[in-house]
Amino acid sequence: EDHPASIAPGRLAAQCKRLIWSYLTQAE
């Protein structure tokens, strides 16, 4: 959507990987 609060698609994918990895492996 080229959303104004978004980041470049390649960076967004990398940040998603970081977010998901942390979410899956770090206890609350």
PDB file of all heavy atoms in Angstrom:
ATOM      1  N   GLU A   1       0.803  -1.220   0.000  1.00  0.00           N
ATOM      2  CA  GLU A   1       0.000   0.000   0.000  1.00  0.00           C
ATOM      3  C   GLU A   1       0.838   1.273   0.000  1.00  0.00           C
ATOM      4  O   GLU A   1       0.294   2.359  -0.122  1.00  0.00           O
ATOM      5  CB  GLU A   1      -0.898   0.027   1.242  1.00  0.00           C
ATOM      6  CG  GLU A   1      -1.961  -1.035   1.239  1.00  0.00           C
ATOM      7  CD  GLU A   1      -2.689  -1.109   2.568  1.00  0.00           C
ATOM      8  OE1 GLU A   1      -2.348  -0.352   3.501  1.00  0.00           O
ATOM      9  OE2 GLU A   1      -3.594  -1.942   2.682  1.00  0.00           O
ATOM     10  N   ASP A   2       2.138   1.143   0.189  1.00  0.00           N
ATOM     11  CA  ASP A   2       2.983   2.315   0.324  1.00  0.00           C
ATOM     12  C   ASP A   2       2.432   3.199   1.440  1.00  0.00           C
ATOM     13  O   ASP A   2       2.290   4.407   1.305  1.00  0.00           O
ATOM     14  CB  ASP A   2       3.067   3.084  -0.998  1.00  0.00           C
ATOM     15  CG  ASP A   2       4.209   4.094  -0.998  1.00  0.00           C
ATOM     16  OD1 ASP A   2       5.189   3.881  -0.261  1.00  0.00           O
ATOM     17  OD2 ASP A   2       4.096   5.099  -1.710  1.00  0.00           O
ATOM     18  N   HIS A   3       2.106   2.565   2.550  1.00  0.00           N
ATOM     19  CA  HIS A   3       1.532   3.231   3.719  1.00  0.00           C
ATOM     20  C   HIS A   3       2.533   4.233   4.286  1.00  0.00           C
ATOM     21  O   HIS A   3       3.721   3.955   4.352  1.00  0.00           O
ATOM     22  CB  HIS A   3       1.188   2.167   4.764  1.00  0.00           C
ATOM     23  CG  HIS A   3       0.337   2.670   5.858  1.00  0.00           C
ATOM     24  ND1 HIS A   3       0.835   3.346   6.939  1.00  0.00           N
ATOM     25  CD2 HIS A   3      -1.005   2.583   6.053  1.00  0.00           C
ATOM     26  CE1 HIS A   3      -0.139   3.653   7.751  1.00  0.00           C
ATOM     27  NE2 HIS A   3      -1.267   3.208   7.241  1.00  0.00           N
ATOM     28  N   PRO A   4       2.072   5.410   4.704  1.00  0.00           N
ATOM     29  CA  PRO A   4       3.000   6.433   5.190  1.00  0.00           C
ATOM     30  C   PRO A   4       3.792   6.019   6.432  1.00  0.00           C
ATOM     31  O   PRO A   4       4.879   6.530   6.665  1.00  0.00           O
ATOM     32  CB  PRO A   4       2.111   7.638   5.482  1.00  0.00           C
ATOM     33  CG  PRO A   4       0.721   7.157   5.439  1.00  0.00           C
ATOM     34  CD  PRO A   4       0.697   5.867   4.666  1.00  0.00           C
ATOM     35  N   ALA A   5       3.274   5.092   7.218  1.00  0.00           N
ATOM     36  CA  ALA A   5       3.985   4.659   8.428  1.00  0.00           C
ATOM     37  C   ALA A   5       4.808   3.399   8.180  1.00  0.00           C
ATOM     38  O   ALA A   5       5.351   2.826   9.111  1.00  0.00           O
ATOM     39  CB  ALA A   5       2.992   4.415   9.556  1.00  0.00           C
ATOM     40  N   SER A   6       4.895   2.967   6.949  1.00  0.00           N
ATOM     41  CA  SER A   6       5.621   1.746   6.629  1.00  0.00           C
ATOM     42  C   SER A   6       7.080   2.055   6.309  1.00  0.00           C
ATOM     43  O   SER A   6       7.474   3.197   6.135  1.00  0.00           O
ATOM     44  CB  SER A   6       4.957   1.049   5.437  1.00  0.00           C
ATOM     45  OG  SER A   6       5.479  -0.249   5.281  1.00  0.00           O
ATOM     46  N   ILE A   7       7.871   0.992   6.223  1.00  0.00           N
ATOM     47  CA  ILE A   7       9.269   1.111   5.827  1.00  0.00           C
ATOM     48  C   ILE A   7       9.456   0.353   4.515  1.00  0.00           C
ATOM     49  O   ILE A   7       8.552  -0.365   4.083  1.00  0.00           O
ATOM     50  CB  ILE A   7      10.217   0.600   6.929  1.00  0.00           C
ATOM     51  CG1 ILE A   7       9.923  -0.857   7.295  1.00  0.00           C
ATOM     52  CG2 ILE A   7      10.132   1.473   8.159  1.00  0.00           C
ATOM     53  CD1 ILE A   7      10.850  -1.440   8.331  1.00  0.00           C
ATOM     54  N   ALA A   8      10.591   0.500   3.888  1.00  0.00           N
ATOM     55  CA  ALA A   8      10.846  -0.153   2.606  1.00  0.00           C
ATOM     56  C   ALA A   8      10.595  -1.659   2.726  1.00  0.00           C
ATOM     57  O   ALA A   8      10.913  -2.267   3.753  1.00  0.00           O
ATOM     58  CB  ALA A   8      12.283   0.103   2.169  1.00  0.00           C
ATOM     59  N   PRO A   9      10.000  -2.276   1.692  1.00  0.00           N
ATOM     60  CA  PRO A   9       9.627  -3.697   1.772  1.00  0.00           C
ATOM     61  C   PRO A   9      10.750  -4.631   2.218  1.00  0.00           C
ATOM     62  O   PRO A   9      10.525  -5.512   3.043  1.00  0.00           O
ATOM     63  CB  PRO A   9       9.160  -4.022   0.352  1.00  0.00           C
ATOM     64  CG  PRO A   9       8.645  -2.716  -0.166  1.00  0.00           C
ATOM     65  CD  PRO A   9       9.559  -1.674   0.433  1.00  0.00           C
ATOM     66  N   GLY A  10      11.965  -4.456   1.725  1.00  0.00           N
ATOM     67  CA  GLY A  10      13.067  -5.325   2.143  1.00  0.00           C
ATOM     68  C   GLY A  10      13.386  -5.177   3.615  1.00  0.00           C
ATOM     69  O   GLY A  10      13.617  -6.156   4.323  1.00  0.00           O
ATOM     70  N   ARG A  11      13.373  -3.959   4.087  1.00  0.00           N
ATOM     71  CA  ARG A  11      13.606  -3.703   5.518  1.00  0.00           C
ATOM     72  C   ARG A  11      12.426  -4.205   6.342  1.00  0.00           C
ATOM     73  O   ARG A  11      12.619  -4.705   7.441  1.00  0.00           O
ATOM     74  CB  ARG A  11      13.817  -2.205   5.771  1.00  0.00           C
ATOM     75  CG  ARG A  11      15.039  -1.640   5.155  1.00  0.00           C
ATOM     76  CD  ARG A  11      16.224  -1.428   6.074  1.00  0.00           C
ATOM     77  NE  ARG A  11      15.899  -0.927   7.394  1.00  0.00           N
ATOM     78  CZ  ARG A  11      16.361  -1.497   8.516  1.00  0.00           C
ATOM     79  NH1 ARG A  11      17.140  -2.542   8.454  1.00  0.00           N
ATOM     80  NH2 ARG A  11      16.053  -0.994   9.681  1.00  0.00           N
ATOM     81  N   LEU A  12      11.230  -4.048   5.808  1.00  0.00           N
ATOM     82  CA  LEU A  12      10.048  -4.514   6.525  1.00  0.00           C
ATOM     83  C   LEU A  12      10.102  -6.024   6.721  1.00  0.00           C
ATOM     84  O   LEU A  12       9.827  -6.532   7.810  1.00  0.00           O
ATOM     85  CB  LEU A  12       8.776  -4.111   5.783  1.00  0.00           C
ATOM     86  CG  LEU A  12       7.451  -4.452   6.456  1.00  0.00           C
ATOM     87  CD1 LEU A  12       7.357  -3.829   7.844  1.00  0.00           C
ATOM     88  CD2 LEU A  12       6.287  -3.991   5.598  1.00  0.00           C
ATOM     89  N   ALA A  13      10.489  -6.761   5.695  1.00  0.00           N
ATOM     90  CA  ALA A  13      10.608  -8.214   5.819  1.00  0.00           C
ATOM     91  C   ALA A  13      11.658  -8.576   6.861  1.00  0.00           C
ATOM     92  O   ALA A  13      11.437  -9.462   7.702  1.00  0.00           O
ATOM     93  CB  ALA A  13      10.946  -8.838   4.466  1.00  0.00           C
ATOM     94  N   ALA A  14      12.787  -7.901   6.847  1.00  0.00           N
ATOM     95  CA  ALA A  14      13.846  -8.173   7.831  1.00  0.00           C
ATOM     96  C   ALA A  14      13.361  -7.877   9.250  1.00  0.00           C
ATOM     97  O   ALA A  14      13.637  -8.638  10.185  1.00  0.00           O
ATOM     98  CB  ALA A  14      15.092  -7.347   7.506  1.00  0.00           C
ATOM     99  N   GLN A  15      12.631  -6.779   9.407  1.00  0.00           N
ATOM    100  CA  GLN A  15      12.114  -6.430  10.731  1.00  0.00           C
ATOM    101  C   GLN A  15      11.040  -7.426  11.191  1.00  0.00           C
ATOM    102  O   GLN A  15      10.934  -7.727  12.373  1.00  0.00           O
ATOM    103  CB  GLN A  15      11.583  -5.001  10.739  1.00  0.00           C
ATOM    104  CG  GLN A  15      12.658  -3.951  10.556  1.00  0.00           C
ATOM    105  CD  GLN A  15      13.717  -4.001  11.647  1.00  0.00           C
ATOM    106  OE1 GLN A  15      13.411  -4.084  12.827  1.00  0.00           O
ATOM    107  NE2 GLN A  15      14.972  -3.963  11.239  1.00  0.00           N
ATOM    108  N   CYS A  16      10.250  -7.929  10.241  1.00  0.00           N
ATOM    109  CA  CYS A  16       9.259  -8.962  10.586  1.00  0.00           C
ATOM    110  C   CYS A  16       9.953 -10.219  11.104  1.00  0.00           C
ATOM    111  O   CYS A  16       9.503 -10.840  12.075  1.00  0.00           O
ATOM    112  CB  CYS A  16       8.394  -9.317   9.378  1.00  0.00           C
ATOM    113  SG  CYS A  16       7.088  -8.142   9.041  1.00  0.00           S
ATOM    114  N   LYS A  17      11.036 -10.605  10.454  1.00  0.00           N
ATOM    115  CA  LYS A  17      11.788 -11.785  10.904  1.00  0.00           C
ATOM    116  C   LYS A  17      12.302 -11.572  12.326  1.00  0.00           C
ATOM    117  O   LYS A  17      12.202 -12.470  13.168  1.00  0.00           O
ATOM    118  CB  LYS A  17      12.944 -12.079   9.948  1.00  0.00           C
ATOM    119  CG  LYS A  17      12.470 -12.585   8.601  1.00  0.00           C
ATOM    120  CD  LYS A  17      13.613 -12.757   7.609  1.00  0.00           C
ATOM    121  CE  LYS A  17      13.075 -13.201   6.249  1.00  0.00           C
ATOM    122  NZ  LYS A  17      14.149 -13.383   5.259  1.00  0.00           N
ATOM    123  N   ARG A  18      12.816 -10.394  12.579  1.00  0.00           N
ATOM    124  CA  ARG A  18      13.320 -10.086  13.925  1.00  0.00           C
ATOM    125  C   ARG A  18      12.195 -10.120  14.955  1.00  0.00           C
ATOM    126  O   ARG A  18      12.329 -10.703  16.036  1.00  0.00           O
ATOM    127  CB  ARG A  18      13.977  -8.713  13.898  1.00  0.00           C
ATOM    128  CG  ARG A  18      14.547  -8.288  15.199  1.00  0.00           C
ATOM    129  CD  ARG A  18      15.198  -6.933  15.085  1.00  0.00           C
ATOM    130  NE  ARG A  18      15.722  -6.546  16.392  1.00  0.00           N
ATOM    131  CZ  ARG A  18      16.268  -5.394  16.637  1.00  0.00           C
ATOM    132  NH1 ARG A  18      16.390  -4.505  15.680  1.00  0.00           N
ATOM    133  NH2 ARG A  18      16.707  -5.114  17.839  1.00  0.00           N
ATOM    134  N   LEU A  19      11.097  -9.491  14.623  1.00  0.00           N
ATOM    135  CA  LEU A  19       9.938  -9.451  15.522  1.00  0.00           C
ATOM    136  C   LEU A  19       9.429 -10.854  15.818  1.00  0.00           C
ATOM    137  O   LEU A  19       9.201 -11.228  16.976  1.00  0.00           O
ATOM    138  CB  LEU A  19       8.829  -8.609  14.886  1.00  0.00           C
ATOM    139  CG  LEU A  19       7.498  -8.589  15.620  1.00  0.00           C
ATOM    140  CD1 LEU A  19       7.514  -7.483  16.653  1.00  0.00           C
ATOM    141  CD2 LEU A  19       6.366  -8.367  14.639  1.00  0.00           C
ATOM    142  N   ILE A  20       9.247 -11.645  14.773  1.00  0.00           N
ATOM    143  CA  ILE A  20       8.691 -12.989  14.942  1.00  0.00           C
ATOM    144  C   ILE A  20       9.647 -13.890  15.708  1.00  0.00           C
ATOM    145  O   ILE A  20       9.228 -14.638  16.597  1.00  0.00           O
ATOM    146  CB  ILE A  20       8.313 -13.580  13.565  1.00  0.00           C
ATOM    147  CG1 ILE A  20       7.107 -12.818  13.009  1.00  0.00           C
ATOM    148  CG2 ILE A  20       8.032 -15.071  13.653  1.00  0.00           C
ATOM    149  CD1 ILE A  20       6.802 -13.097  11.557  1.00  0.00           C
ATOM    150  N   TRP A  21      10.934 -13.818  15.393  1.00  0.00           N
ATOM    151  CA  TRP A  21      11.908 -14.641  16.104  1.00  0.00           C
ATOM    152  C   TRP A  21      11.877 -14.325  17.601  1.00  0.00           C
ATOM    153  O   TRP A  21      11.831 -15.227  18.437  1.00  0.00           O
ATOM    154  CB  TRP A  21      13.312 -14.434  15.532  1.00  0.00           C
ATOM    155  CG  TRP A  21      14.340 -15.223  16.281  1.00  0.00           C
ATOM    156  CD1 TRP A  21      15.261 -14.746  17.167  1.00  0.00           C
ATOM    157  CD2 TRP A  21      14.513 -16.642  16.252  1.00  0.00           C
ATOM    158  NE1 TRP A  21      16.003 -15.777  17.674  1.00  0.00           N
ATOM    159  CE2 TRP A  21      15.556 -16.951  17.126  1.00  0.00           C
ATOM    160  CE3 TRP A  21      13.878 -17.673  15.569  1.00  0.00           C
ATOM    161  CZ2 TRP A  21      15.996 -18.254  17.346  1.00  0.00           C
ATOM    162  CZ3 TRP A  21      14.310 -18.977  15.780  1.00  0.00           C
ATOM    163  CH2 TRP A  21      15.359 -19.260  16.654  1.00  0.00           C
ATOM    164  N   SER A  22      11.885 -13.044  17.937  1.00  0.00           N
ATOM    165  CA  SER A  22      11.841 -12.651  19.349  1.00  0.00           C
ATOM    166  C   SER A  22      10.548 -13.118  20.009  1.00  0.00           C
ATOM    167  O   SER A  22      10.569 -13.634  21.123  1.00  0.00           O
ATOM    168  CB  SER A  22      11.975 -11.131  19.485  1.00  0.00           C
ATOM    169  OG  SER A  22      13.237 -10.713  19.037  1.00  0.00           O
ATOM    170  N   TYR A  23       9.443 -12.923  19.317  1.00  0.00           N
ATOM    171  CA  TYR A  23       8.138 -13.336  19.845  1.00  0.00           C
ATOM    172  C   TYR A  23       8.106 -14.837  20.132  1.00  0.00           C
ATOM    173  O   TYR A  23       7.615 -15.276  21.175  1.00  0.00           O
ATOM    174  CB  TYR A  23       7.040 -12.947  18.861  1.00  0.00           C
ATOM    175  CG  TYR A  23       5.680 -13.518  19.189  1.00  0.00           C
ATOM    176  CD1 TYR A  23       4.951 -13.059  20.278  1.00  0.00           C
ATOM    177  CD2 TYR A  23       5.133 -14.520  18.397  1.00  0.00           C
ATOM    178  CE1 TYR A  23       3.703 -13.585  20.576  1.00  0.00           C
ATOM    179  CE2 TYR A  23       3.880 -15.053  18.690  1.00  0.00           C
ATOM    180  CZ  TYR A  23       3.174 -14.585  19.775  1.00  0.00           C
ATOM    181  OH  TYR A  23       1.937 -15.110  20.072  1.00  0.00           O
ATOM    182  N   LEU A  24       8.630 -15.625  19.213  1.00  0.00           N
ATOM    183  CA  LEU A  24       8.563 -17.080  19.369  1.00  0.00           C
ATOM    184  C   LEU A  24       9.512 -17.623  20.425  1.00  0.00           C
ATOM    185  O   LEU A  24       9.232 -18.659  21.032  1.00  0.00           O
ATOM    186  CB  LEU A  24       8.858 -17.768  18.035  1.00  0.00           C
ATOM    187  CG  LEU A  24       7.828 -17.599  16.930  1.00  0.00           C
ATOM    188  CD1 LEU A  24       8.321 -18.244  15.642  1.00  0.00           C
ATOM    189  CD2 LEU A  24       6.470 -18.173  17.335  1.00  0.00           C
ATOM    190  N   THR A  25      10.619 -16.954  20.651  1.00  0.00           N
ATOM    191  CA  THR A  25      11.660 -17.549  21.493  1.00  0.00           C
ATOM    192  C   THR A  25      11.843 -16.897  22.855  1.00  0.00           C
ATOM    193  O   THR A  25      12.511 -17.473  23.714  1.00  0.00           O
ATOM    194  CB  THR A  25      13.014 -17.538  20.756  1.00  0.00           C
ATOM    195  OG1 THR A  25      13.378 -16.190  20.446  1.00  0.00           O
ATOM    196  CG2 THR A  25      12.943 -18.376  19.486  1.00  0.00           C
ATOM    197  N   GLN A  26      11.283 -15.725  23.066  1.00  0.00           N
ATOM    198  CA  GLN A  26      11.463 -15.035  24.347  1.00  0.00           C
ATOM    199  C   GLN A  26      10.228 -15.198  25.225  1.00  0.00           C
ATOM    200  O   GLN A  26       9.127 -14.871  24.804  1.00  0.00           O
ATOM    201  CB  GLN A  26      11.730 -13.542  24.122  1.00  0.00           C
ATOM    202  CG  GLN A  26      12.932 -13.259  23.256  1.00  0.00           C
ATOM    203  CD  GLN A  26      14.211 -13.806  23.853  1.00  0.00           C
ATOM    204  OE1 GLN A  26      14.496 -13.580  25.031  1.00  0.00           O
ATOM    205  NE2 GLN A  26      14.982 -14.513  23.048  1.00  0.00           N
ATOM    206  N   ALA A  27      10.440 -15.689  26.424  1.00  0.00           N
ATOM    207  CA  ALA A  27       9.328 -15.833  27.363  1.00  0.00           C
ATOM    208  C   ALA A  27       8.836 -14.456  27.790  1.00  0.00           C
ATOM    209  O   ALA A  27       9.597 -13.484  27.805  1.00  0.00           O
ATOM    210  CB  ALA A  27       9.768 -16.635  28.581  1.00  0.00           C
ATOM    211  N   GLU A  28       7.568 -14.394  28.115  1.00  0.00           N
ATOM    212  CA  GLU A  28       6.992 -13.129  28.598  1.00  0.00           C
ATOM    213  C   GLU A  28       7.667 -12.750  29.903  1.00  0.00           C
ATOM    214  O   GLU A  28       7.796 -13.565  30.809  1.00  0.00           O
ATOM    215  CB  GLU A  28       5.486 -13.307  28.802  1.00  0.00           C
ATOM    216  CG  GLU A  28       4.781 -12.033  29.120  1.00  0.00           C
ATOM    217  CD  GLU A  28       3.273 -12.210  29.186  1.00  0.00           C
ATOM    218  OE1 GLU A  28       2.726 -12.987  28.414  1.00  0.00           O
ATOM    219  OE2 GLU A  28       2.679 -11.542  30.041  1.00  0.00           O
TER     220      GLU A  28
END
